[in-house]
Amino acid sequence: MSKDIRTDHEYQVAEFGDFGFRVLTGASQEGERFSSIMALEDSQITIVSSRNGDGYATIILLAGMIVYGDLYVDSVDNGAVIAYLRGE
């Protein structure tokens, strides 16, 4: 199955966790791509754009905030996040 999200249905399946999720307090496993990342508590994370692998950003998410995209988590510097997988 492709990990690209091309239709509303594929987005909703990923958003509602049908592909699974990870609760992260550190780096994600190699190759895991996420469609959204939500802070369970105030968190500072470094994310990378998976499309080209060249878009690094260190961001602060307050509890409940969500970031969307084609992402993987390089590190969770503090806090905890729930990251929803893009596909299998």
PDB file of N, CA and C in Angstrom:
ATOM      1  N   MET A   1       0.831  -1.178   0.000  1.00  0.00           N
ATOM      2  CA  MET A   1       0.000   0.000   0.000  1.00  0.00           C
ATOM      3  C   MET A   1       0.875   1.240   0.000  1.00  0.00           C
ATOM      4  N   SER A   2       0.513   2.206  -0.785  1.00  0.00           N
ATOM      5  CA  SER A   2       1.224   3.466  -0.847  1.00  0.00           C
ATOM      6  C   SER A   2       1.027   4.256   0.440  1.00  0.00           C
ATOM      7  N   LYS A   3       2.043   5.007   0.844  1.00  0.00           N
ATOM      8  CA  LYS A   3       1.926   5.860   2.014  1.00  0.00           C
ATOM      9  C   LYS A   3       1.500   7.274   1.632  1.00  0.00           C
ATOM     10  N   ASP A   4       1.289   7.511   0.351  1.00  0.00           N
ATOM     11  CA  ASP A   4       0.838   8.822  -0.091  1.00  0.00           C
ATOM     12  C   ASP A   4      -0.657   8.952   0.130  1.00  0.00           C
ATOM     13  N   ILE A   5      -1.085  10.115   0.588  1.00  0.00           N
ATOM     14  CA  ILE A   5      -2.495  10.386   0.810  1.00  0.00           C
ATOM     15  C   ILE A   5      -2.991  11.214  -0.359  1.00  0.00           C
ATOM     16  N   ARG A   6      -3.890  10.641  -1.145  1.00  0.00           N
ATOM     17  CA  ARG A   6      -4.342  11.296  -2.364  1.00  0.00           C
ATOM     18  C   ARG A   6      -5.836  11.606  -2.381  1.00  0.00           C
ATOM     19  N   THR A   7      -6.608  11.030  -1.468  1.00  0.00           N
ATOM     20  CA  THR A   7      -8.046  11.269  -1.453  1.00  0.00           C
ATOM     21  C   THR A   7      -8.499  11.634  -0.042  1.00  0.00           C
ATOM     22  N   ASP A   8      -9.704  12.191   0.061  1.00  0.00           N
ATOM     23  CA  ASP A   8     -10.267  12.513   1.372  1.00  0.00           C
ATOM     24  C   ASP A   8     -10.365  11.267   2.244  1.00  0.00           C
ATOM     25  N   HIS A   9     -10.776  10.161   1.634  1.00  0.00           N
ATOM     26  CA  HIS A   9     -10.923   8.922   2.382  1.00  0.00           C
ATOM     27  C   HIS A   9      -9.592   8.494   3.008  1.00  0.00           C
ATOM     28  N   GLU A  10      -8.504   8.536   2.231  1.00  0.00           N
ATOM     29  CA  GLU A  10      -7.189   8.144   2.752  1.00  0.00           C
ATOM     30  C   GLU A  10      -6.761   9.057   3.891  1.00  0.00           C
ATOM     31  N   TYR A  11      -7.065  10.346   3.764  1.00  0.00           N
ATOM     32  CA  TYR A  11      -6.730  11.288   4.831  1.00  0.00           C
ATOM     33  C   TYR A  11      -7.497  10.945   6.108  1.00  0.00           C
ATOM     34  N   GLN A  12      -8.803  10.696   5.971  1.00  0.00           N
ATOM     35  CA  GLN A  12      -9.617  10.406   7.147  1.00  0.00           C
ATOM     36  C   GLN A  12      -9.204   9.091   7.806  1.00  0.00           C
ATOM     37  N   VAL A  13      -8.843   8.096   7.018  1.00  0.00           N
ATOM     38  CA  VAL A  13      -8.379   6.823   7.575  1.00  0.00           C
ATOM     39  C   VAL A  13      -7.111   7.058   8.404  1.00  0.00           C
ATOM     40  N   ALA A  14      -6.176   7.840   7.883  1.00  0.00           N
ATOM     41  CA  ALA A  14      -4.942   8.126   8.616  1.00  0.00           C
ATOM     42  C   ALA A  14      -5.229   8.975   9.842  1.00  0.00           C
ATOM     43  N   GLU A  15      -6.062   9.997   9.691  1.00  0.00           N
ATOM     44  CA  GLU A  15      -6.350  10.933  10.779  1.00  0.00           C
ATOM     45  C   GLU A  15      -7.022  10.246  11.964  1.00  0.00           C
ATOM     46  N   PHE A  16      -7.862   9.261  11.700  1.00  0.00           N
ATOM     47  CA  PHE A  16      -8.555   8.578  12.782  1.00  0.00           C
ATOM     48  C   PHE A  16      -7.783   7.381  13.309  1.00  0.00           C
ATOM     49  N   GLY A  17      -6.550   7.226  12.887  1.00  0.00           N
ATOM     50  CA  GLY A  17      -5.667   6.229  13.473  1.00  0.00           C
ATOM     51  C   GLY A  17      -5.817   4.817  12.957  1.00  0.00           C
ATOM     52  N   ASP A  18      -6.465   4.633  11.809  1.00  0.00           N
ATOM     53  CA  ASP A  18      -6.651   3.276  11.288  1.00  0.00           C
ATOM     54  C   ASP A  18      -5.332   2.603  10.909  1.00  0.00           C
ATOM     55  N   PHE A  19      -4.287   3.371  10.650  1.00  0.00           N
ATOM     56  CA  PHE A  19      -2.976   2.800  10.340  1.00  0.00           C
ATOM     57  C   PHE A  19      -2.131   2.639  11.601  1.00  0.00           C
ATOM     58  N   GLY A  20      -2.648   3.100  12.734  1.00  0.00           N
ATOM     59  CA  GLY A  20      -1.934   3.004  13.994  1.00  0.00           C
ATOM     60  C   GLY A  20      -1.319   4.328  14.400  1.00  0.00           C
ATOM     61  N   PHE A  21      -0.727   4.332  15.550  1.00  0.00           N
ATOM     62  CA  PHE A  21      -0.106   5.542  16.077  1.00  0.00           C
ATOM     63  C   PHE A  21       1.042   5.152  16.983  1.00  0.00           C
ATOM     64  N   ARG A  22       1.845   6.112  17.313  1.00  0.00           N
ATOM     65  CA  ARG A  22       2.942   5.929  18.264  1.00  0.00           C
ATOM     66  C   ARG A  22       2.875   7.057  19.284  1.00  0.00           C
ATOM     67  N   VAL A  23       3.034   6.718  20.553  1.00  0.00           N
ATOM     68  CA  VAL A  23       3.230   7.732  21.582  1.00  0.00           C
ATOM     69  C   VAL A  23       4.734   7.862  21.741  1.00  0.00           C
ATOM     70  N   LEU A  24       5.242   9.050  21.454  1.00  0.00           N
ATOM     71  CA  LEU A  24       6.691   9.248  21.410  1.00  0.00           C
ATOM     72  C   LEU A  24       7.170  10.174  22.524  1.00  0.00           C
ATOM     73  N   THR A  25       8.266   9.773  23.142  1.00  0.00           N
ATOM     74  CA  THR A  25       8.992  10.635  24.066  1.00  0.00           C
ATOM     75  C   THR A  25      10.444  10.754  23.618  1.00  0.00           C
ATOM     76  N   GLY A  26      10.760  10.165  22.470  1.00  0.00           N
ATOM     77  CA  GLY A  26      12.093  10.216  21.867  1.00  0.00           C
ATOM     78  C   GLY A  26      11.933  10.192  20.359  1.00  0.00           C
ATOM     79  N   ALA A  27      12.903   9.701  19.635  1.00  0.00           N
ATOM     80  CA  ALA A  27      12.844   9.655  18.166  1.00  0.00           C
ATOM     81  C   ALA A  27      11.913   8.545  17.697  1.00  0.00           C
ATOM     82  N   SER A  28      11.353   8.726  16.500  1.00  0.00           N
ATOM     83  CA  SER A  28      10.532   7.667  15.904  1.00  0.00           C
ATOM     84  C   SER A  28      11.443   6.626  15.270  1.00  0.00           C
ATOM     85  N   GLN A  29      10.882   5.477  14.957  1.00  0.00           N
ATOM     86  CA  GLN A  29      11.653   4.423  14.300  1.00  0.00           C
ATOM     87  C   GLN A  29      11.971   4.840  12.865  1.00  0.00           C
ATOM     88  N   GLU A  30      13.076   4.375  12.365  1.00  0.00           N
ATOM     89  CA  GLU A  30      13.503   4.680  10.995  1.00  0.00           C
ATOM     90  C   GLU A  30      12.410   4.316  10.006  1.00  0.00           C
ATOM     91  N   GLY A  31      12.094   5.239   9.125  1.00  0.00           N
ATOM     92  CA  GLY A  31      11.148   4.977   8.051  1.00  0.00           C
ATOM     93  C   GLY A  31       9.686   5.194   8.398  1.00  0.00           C
ATOM     94  N   GLU A  32       9.359   5.496   9.647  1.00  0.00           N
ATOM     95  CA  GLU A  32       7.965   5.734   9.999  1.00  0.00           C
ATOM     96  C   GLU A  32       7.557   7.147   9.609  1.00  0.00           C
ATOM     97  N   ARG A  33       6.497   7.229   8.807  1.00  0.00           N
ATOM     98  CA  ARG A  33       5.975   8.521   8.358  1.00  0.00           C
ATOM     99  C   ARG A  33       4.637   8.774   9.028  1.00  0.00           C
ATOM    100  N   PHE A  34       4.403  10.025   9.355  1.00  0.00           N
ATOM    101  CA  PHE A  34       3.195  10.394  10.091  1.00  0.00           C
ATOM    102  C   PHE A  34       2.406  11.444   9.332  1.00  0.00           C
ATOM    103  N   SER A  35       1.069  11.398   9.488  1.00  0.00           N
ATOM    104  CA  SER A  35       0.199  12.380   8.864  1.00  0.00           C
ATOM    105  C   SER A  35      -0.116  13.527   9.810  1.00  0.00           C
ATOM    106  N   SER A  36      -0.118  13.262  11.102  1.00  0.00           N
ATOM    107  CA  SER A  36      -0.343  14.322  12.088  1.00  0.00           C
ATOM    108  C   SER A  36       0.351  13.945  13.388  1.00  0.00           C
ATOM    109  N   ILE A  37       0.722  14.988  14.117  1.00  0.00           N
ATOM    110  CA  ILE A  37       1.402  14.812  15.395  1.00  0.00           C
ATOM    111  C   ILE A  37       0.727  15.751  16.377  1.00  0.00           C
ATOM    112  N   MET A  38       0.234  15.196  17.491  1.00  0.00           N
ATOM    113  CA  MET A  38      -0.455  15.997  18.500  1.00  0.00           C
ATOM    114  C   MET A  38       0.301  15.933  19.820  1.00  0.00           C
ATOM    115  N   ALA A  39       0.448  17.082  20.452  1.00  0.00           N
ATOM    116  CA  ALA A  39       1.132  17.150  21.737  1.00  0.00           C
ATOM    117  C   ALA A  39       0.205  16.681  22.853  1.00  0.00           C
ATOM    118  N   LEU A  40       0.641  15.688  23.608  1.00  0.00           N
ATOM    119  CA  LEU A  40      -0.109  15.222  24.771  1.00  0.00           C
ATOM    120  C   LEU A  40       0.146  16.113  25.978  1.00  0.00           C
ATOM    121  N   GLU A  41       1.275  16.780  25.948  1.00  0.00           N
ATOM    122  CA  GLU A  41       1.658  17.770  26.955  1.00  0.00           C
ATOM    123  C   GLU A  41       2.547  18.772  26.237  1.00  0.00           C
ATOM    124  N   ASP A  42       2.855  19.890  26.882  1.00  0.00           N
ATOM    125  CA  ASP A  42       3.745  20.857  26.240  1.00  0.00           C
ATOM    126  C   ASP A  42       5.023  20.142  25.820  1.00  0.00           C
ATOM    127  N   SER A  43       5.391  20.288  24.542  1.00  0.00           N
ATOM    128  CA  SER A  43       6.492  19.500  23.979  1.00  0.00           C
ATOM    129  C   SER A  43       7.337  20.333  23.027  1.00  0.00           C
ATOM    130  N   GLN A  44       8.591  19.964  22.929  1.00  0.00           N
ATOM    131  CA  GLN A  44       9.483  20.509  21.902  1.00  0.00           C
ATOM    132  C   GLN A  44       9.964  19.334  21.072  1.00  0.00           C
ATOM    133  N   ILE A  45       9.713  19.392  19.750  1.00  0.00           N
ATOM    134  CA  ILE A  45      10.068  18.289  18.871  1.00  0.00           C
ATOM    135  C   ILE A  45      10.819  18.801  17.651  1.00  0.00           C
ATOM    136  N   THR A  46      11.621  17.928  17.078  1.00  0.00           N
ATOM    137  CA  THR A  46      12.268  18.201  15.798  1.00  0.00           C
ATOM    138  C   THR A  46      11.648  17.262  14.787  1.00  0.00           C
ATOM    139  N   ILE A  47      11.048  17.855  13.742  1.00  0.00           N
ATOM    140  CA  ILE A  47      10.388  17.076  12.700  1.00  0.00           C
ATOM    141  C   ILE A  47      11.108  17.296  11.378  1.00  0.00           C
ATOM    142  N   VAL A  48      10.922  16.345  10.469  1.00  0.00           N
ATOM    143  CA  VAL A  48      11.551  16.406   9.155  1.00  0.00           C
ATOM    144  C   VAL A  48      10.482  16.143   8.113  1.00  0.00           C
ATOM    145  N   SER A  49      10.515  16.924   7.049  1.00  0.00           N
ATOM    146  CA  SER A  49       9.626  16.676   5.919  1.00  0.00           C
ATOM    147  C   SER A  49      10.078  15.405   5.233  1.00  0.00           C
ATOM    148  N   SER A  50       9.186  14.425   5.122  1.00  0.00           N
ATOM    149  CA  SER A  50       9.545  13.150   4.509  1.00  0.00           C
ATOM    150  C   SER A  50       9.611  13.214   2.995  1.00  0.00           C
ATOM    151  N   ARG A  51       8.936  14.185   2.407  1.00  0.00           N
ATOM    152  CA  ARG A  51       8.880  14.253   0.950  1.00  0.00           C
ATOM    153  C   ARG A  51      10.281  14.329   0.355  1.00  0.00           C
ATOM    154  N   ASN A  52      11.100  15.266   0.826  1.00  0.00           N
ATOM    155  CA  ASN A  52      12.468  15.385   0.324  1.00  0.00           C
ATOM    156  C   ASN A  52      13.500  15.102   1.407  1.00  0.00           C
ATOM    157  N   GLY A  53      13.060  15.032   2.656  1.00  0.00           N
ATOM    158  CA  GLY A  53      13.965  14.762   3.765  1.00  0.00           C
ATOM    159  C   GLY A  53      14.866  15.917   4.110  1.00  0.00           C
ATOM    160  N   ASP A  54      14.533  17.108   3.610  1.00  0.00           N
ATOM    161  CA  ASP A  54      15.436  18.235   3.838  1.00  0.00           C
ATOM    162  C   ASP A  54      14.788  19.366   4.627  1.00  0.00           C
ATOM    163  N   GLY A  55      13.572  19.184   5.108  1.00  0.00           N
ATOM    164  CA  GLY A  55      12.879  20.251   5.819  1.00  0.00           C
ATOM    165  C   GLY A  55      12.866  20.037   7.315  1.00  0.00           C
ATOM    166  N   TYR A  56      13.986  20.283   7.989  1.00  0.00           N
ATOM    167  CA  TYR A  56      14.055  20.145   9.444  1.00  0.00           C
ATOM    168  C   TYR A  56      13.433  21.357  10.114  1.00  0.00           C
ATOM    169  N   ALA A  57      12.706  21.117  11.214  1.00  0.00           N
ATOM    170  CA  ALA A  57      12.161  22.208  12.017  1.00  0.00           C
ATOM    171  C   ALA A  57      12.058  21.743  13.462  1.00  0.00           C
ATOM    172  N   THR A  58      12.525  22.572  14.367  1.00  0.00           N
ATOM    173  CA  THR A  58      12.326  22.322  15.790  1.00  0.00           C
ATOM    174  C   THR A  58      11.204  23.250  16.224  1.00  0.00           C
ATOM    175  N   ILE A  59      10.138  22.666  16.747  1.00  0.00           N
ATOM    176  CA  ILE A  59       8.957  23.452  17.094  1.00  0.00           C
ATOM    177  C   ILE A  59       8.507  23.145  18.513  1.00  0.00           C
ATOM    178  N   ILE A  60       7.808  24.099  19.077  1.00  0.00           N
ATOM    179  CA  ILE A  60       7.192  23.924  20.388  1.00  0.00           C
ATOM    180  C   ILE A  60       5.695  23.778  20.167  1.00  0.00           C
ATOM    181  N   LEU A  61       5.137  22.692  20.680  1.00  0.00           N
ATOM    182  CA  LEU A  61       3.699  22.454  20.623  1.00  0.00           C
ATOM    183  C   LEU A  61       3.158  22.486  22.042  1.00  0.00           C
ATOM    184  N   LEU A  62       2.154  23.318  22.262  1.00  0.00           N
ATOM    185  CA  LEU A  62       1.485  23.308  23.550  1.00  0.00           C
ATOM    186  C   LEU A  62       0.523  22.125  23.577  1.00  0.00           C
ATOM    187  N   ALA A  63       0.187  21.648  24.757  1.00  0.00           N
ATOM    188  CA  ALA A  63      -0.698  20.482  24.890  1.00  0.00           C
ATOM    189  C   ALA A  63      -1.952  20.674  24.042  1.00  0.00           C
ATOM    190  N   GLY A  64      -2.251  19.670  23.209  1.00  0.00           N
ATOM    191  CA  GLY A  64      -3.436  19.711  22.360  1.00  0.00           C
ATOM    192  C   GLY A  64      -3.206  20.240  20.959  1.00  0.00           C
ATOM    193  N   MET A  65      -2.079  20.897  20.727  1.00  0.00           N
ATOM    194  CA  MET A  65      -1.799  21.418  19.392  1.00  0.00           C
ATOM    195  C   MET A  65      -1.433  20.281  18.449  1.00  0.00           C
ATOM    196  N   ILE A  66      -1.783  20.448  17.147  1.00  0.00           N
ATOM    197  CA  ILE A  66      -1.538  19.418  16.138  1.00  0.00           C
ATOM    198  C   ILE A  66      -0.802  20.043  14.959  1.00  0.00           C
ATOM    199  N   VAL A  67       0.156  19.295  14.411  1.00  0.00           N
ATOM    200  CA  VAL A  67       0.831  19.688  13.173  1.00  0.00           C
ATOM    201  C   VAL A  67       0.538  18.588  12.149  1.00  0.00           C
ATOM    202  N   TYR A  68       0.257  19.007  10.914  1.00  0.00           N
ATOM    203  CA  TYR A  68      -0.098  18.076   9.841  1.00  0.00           C
ATOM    204  C   TYR A  68       0.966  18.105   8.757  1.00  0.00           C
ATOM    205  N   GLY A  69       1.136  16.994   8.065  1.00  0.00           N
ATOM    206  CA  GLY A  69       2.060  16.959   6.937  1.00  0.00           C
ATOM    207  C   GLY A  69       2.529  15.545   6.646  1.00  0.00           C
ATOM    208  N   ASP A  70       3.554  15.472   5.823  1.00  0.00           N
ATOM    209  CA  ASP A  70       4.227  14.208   5.513  1.00  0.00           C
ATOM    210  C   ASP A  70       5.518  14.259   6.317  1.00  0.00           C
ATOM    211  N   LEU A  71       5.486  13.736   7.542  1.00  0.00           N
ATOM    212  CA  LEU A  71       6.508  14.025   8.537  1.00  0.00           C
ATOM    213  C   LEU A  71       7.093  12.767   9.155  1.00  0.00           C
ATOM    214  N   TYR A  72       8.310  12.911   9.663  1.00  0.00           N
ATOM    215  CA  TYR A  72       8.791  11.948  10.647  1.00  0.00           C
ATOM    216  C   TYR A  72       9.431  12.709  11.779  1.00  0.00           C
ATOM    217  N   VAL A  73       9.498  12.093  12.946  1.00  0.00           N
ATOM    218  CA  VAL A  73       9.982  12.750  14.156  1.00  0.00           C
ATOM    219  C   VAL A  73      11.451  12.401  14.337  1.00  0.00           C
ATOM    220  N   ASP A  74      12.301  13.420  14.264  1.00  0.00           N
ATOM    221  CA  ASP A  74      13.733  13.224  14.485  1.00  0.00           C
ATOM    222  C   ASP A  74      14.015  13.085  15.977  1.00  0.00           C
ATOM    223  N   SER A  75      13.344  13.909  16.794  1.00  0.00           N
ATOM    224  CA  SER A  75      13.513  13.802  18.240  1.00  0.00           C
ATOM    225  C   SER A  75      12.380  14.508  18.964  1.00  0.00           C
ATOM    226  N   VAL A  76      12.085  14.006  20.164  1.00  0.00           N
ATOM    227  CA  VAL A  76      11.204  14.698  21.095  1.00  0.00           C
ATOM    228  C   VAL A  76      12.128  15.174  22.208  1.00  0.00           C
ATOM    229  N   ASP A  77      12.423  16.470  22.205  1.00  0.00           N
ATOM    230  CA  ASP A  77      13.395  17.011  23.157  1.00  0.00           C
ATOM    231  C   ASP A  77      12.834  17.066  24.572  1.00  0.00           C
ATOM    232  N   ASN A  78      11.547  17.352  24.694  1.00  0.00           N
ATOM    233  CA  ASN A  78      10.853  17.218  25.978  1.00  0.00           C
ATOM    234  C   ASN A  78       9.369  17.102  25.712  1.00  0.00           C
ATOM    235  N   GLY A  79       8.659  16.491  26.658  1.00  0.00           N
ATOM    236  CA  GLY A  79       7.232  16.290  26.500  1.00  0.00           C
ATOM    237  C   GLY A  79       6.909  14.949  25.872  1.00  0.00           C
ATOM    238  N   ALA A  80       5.666  14.824  25.408  1.00  0.00           N
ATOM    239  CA  ALA A  80       5.192  13.588  24.780  1.00  0.00           C
ATOM    240  C   ALA A  80       4.195  13.953  23.694  1.00  0.00           C
ATOM    241  N   VAL A  81       4.242  13.220  22.590  1.00  0.00           N
ATOM    242  CA  VAL A  81       3.327  13.449  21.480  1.00  0.00           C
ATOM    243  C   VAL A  81       2.737  12.118  21.024  1.00  0.00           C
ATOM    244  N   ILE A  82       1.584  12.199  20.373  1.00  0.00           N
ATOM    245  CA  ILE A  82       0.996  11.038  19.719  1.00  0.00           C
ATOM    246  C   ILE A  82       1.086  11.323  18.226  1.00  0.00           C
ATOM    247  N   ALA A  83       1.676  10.393  17.491  1.00  0.00           N
ATOM    248  CA  ALA A  83       1.921  10.569  16.060  1.00  0.00           C
ATOM    249  C   ALA A  83       1.160   9.492  15.294  1.00  0.00           C
ATOM    250  N   TYR A  84       0.304   9.933  14.350  1.00  0.00           N
ATOM    251  CA  TYR A  84      -0.531   9.001  13.593  1.00  0.00           C
ATOM    252  C   TYR A  84       0.171   8.593  12.302  1.00  0.00           C
ATOM    253  N   LEU A  85       0.320   7.277  12.104  1.00  0.00           N
ATOM    254  CA  LEU A  85       1.022   6.723  10.942  1.00  0.00           C
ATOM    255  C   LEU A  85       0.261   7.016   9.654  1.00  0.00           C
ATOM    256  N   ARG A  86       1.012   7.232   8.561  1.00  0.00           N
ATOM    257  CA  ARG A  86       0.420   7.512   7.262  1.00  0.00           C
ATOM    258  C   ARG A  86      -0.126   6.272   6.572  1.00  0.00           C
ATOM    259  N   GLY A  87       0.459   5.137   6.785  1.00  0.00           N
ATOM    260  CA  GLY A  87       0.010   3.921   6.108  1.00  0.00           C
ATOM    261  C   GLY A  87       0.973   2.798   6.380  1.00  0.00           C
ATOM    262  N   GLU A  88       0.682   1.653   5.801  1.00  0.00           N
ATOM    263  CA  GLU A  88       1.523   0.469   6.041  1.00  0.00           C
ATOM    264  C   GLU A  88       2.413   0.194   4.874  1.00  0.00           C
TER     265      GLU A  88
END
